[in-house]
Structures are given as structure tokens and as C-alpha cells.
Amino acid sequence: MMIDFLSTGTVLGLAAGLAPGPLLTLVISETLMHGVKAGLKVSIAPLITDLPLIAATLFIFAGLSHFNHLLGIISLTGGGYILFLGYENIRFQGLALADRQPAPRSLIKGILANILSPYPYLFWFSVGGPTMTSALQVDRWSALAFIGAFYAALVGAKVLLALAVNKSRGFLTGRLYIYSSRLIGVILVILALGLFRDGLALLGFSWQ
């Protein structure tokens, strides 16, 4: 079971790390305008901002563990969110480079961008929270495997992107980045189908 949570965390982390959004855009712009160190500072912002959010979702979902219907609805919502991310990744065409030069203080900007973005909240309340709750019901090592793999992949993806951007501007519109994003999109669609299955099962729909 632990390997399942490890692989799920890795896929979701890669998807979150490479998906276009405010934090990814900031990683790119800070790297282009202030160098790779600035991009790396933005990349680690989720490690600073997400701990209270994770604690809140675990507290909430711990009290919902016996409410199968509500958890089923949340699982279906999470499936819809993951399906949307998969669709966005599959149709990805590359990123356009910004011309504006942002101000320095990259780490502070990264923290603010992540706090003010709806994506971390949507992820943890629709997907991350239920998954962590399921992992904790197995054992703490499964939960640690999920969250460790998720943040290693999320931050690692942004770090690698910052290094790539620093080396080559053309990487953002290159085939490797586009096809990698599309492959992750296909995997996300498969994960979404799994969440739909679990959600329907919690709502009492049987496949037998």
C-alpha cells in the first residue's frame, strides 16, 4: 500500500510542479530577470506556506472519516479537479515568456503568490486531504510517503525548471517540456477515474 501512496504523491507533485499557474510563472520570471538563485527561492515557497493548510485539512477530514456520503462527494469533486488538470496538461502548447521585470525579494514574492493562489487550497481540500486521511488509516509511513513524494516532486520539478530556464529560454516552448506535460496529463486522467470510482463506492454504488 505504501508504494501506491508514494507513486500517487509523485504524480500529483509533478503535475502541481509543472502545471501553469502563478507560482510557476513567478519561478520563470524571477529566474529570467534575477538569476537561478531567485528562481530556486520561489520554488521552495510551498514548503513554507502549506504546513498550516495540511494541518487544517487533516483536522477537518479526521472528523469526516465516518461520513461516507460526504467523503464520496469530496472524492468526486477531487476527481473533477484532477480531470481538469489532466485536460489542461494534455492541451498544453508551451509557455509564453513575460517581458516585465518583477521586483526582487523572490522568496517573499513566492510565499505571497502561493498563499494568494486558490490552487493549494483546492488541491488539499479536494484531493490531498482525503488522500492523506486514507494513508493515515493504513499507517503513518504511508502518509509520510505520500506527502514526502508530493513535495519532493513539486519542489523538484520547479527547481529543475528554474535550472532549465536559466540555461535555455527555448526550453519553455520545446518539445520535451510540452510532451512531458501531456504525459502527466494522461496519468492525471487515470488518477481522476480512480477518484470517481472511490467516490461512487463511498456513495453506495456497487460495481458487482
Foldseek 3Di string as FASTA:
>chain_A
DLVVLLVVLQLLLQLLQLQDDQLLLLLLQCCVQPNLVLSLLLLCLCVVQCPVVLVVLLVVVVVCVPVLLVLLVLLLLLLVVLLVSLVCLQPDQFDDHDDDHDDDPSNVVSNVRVVPDCVSNSCCNRPVSVSLNVQVVVPVSSNCSNVVSNSCNNSVSSSVVSVVSNVDVCVRRDPVSSVVSNVSSVVSNVVSVVSNVSSVVSNPDDPD
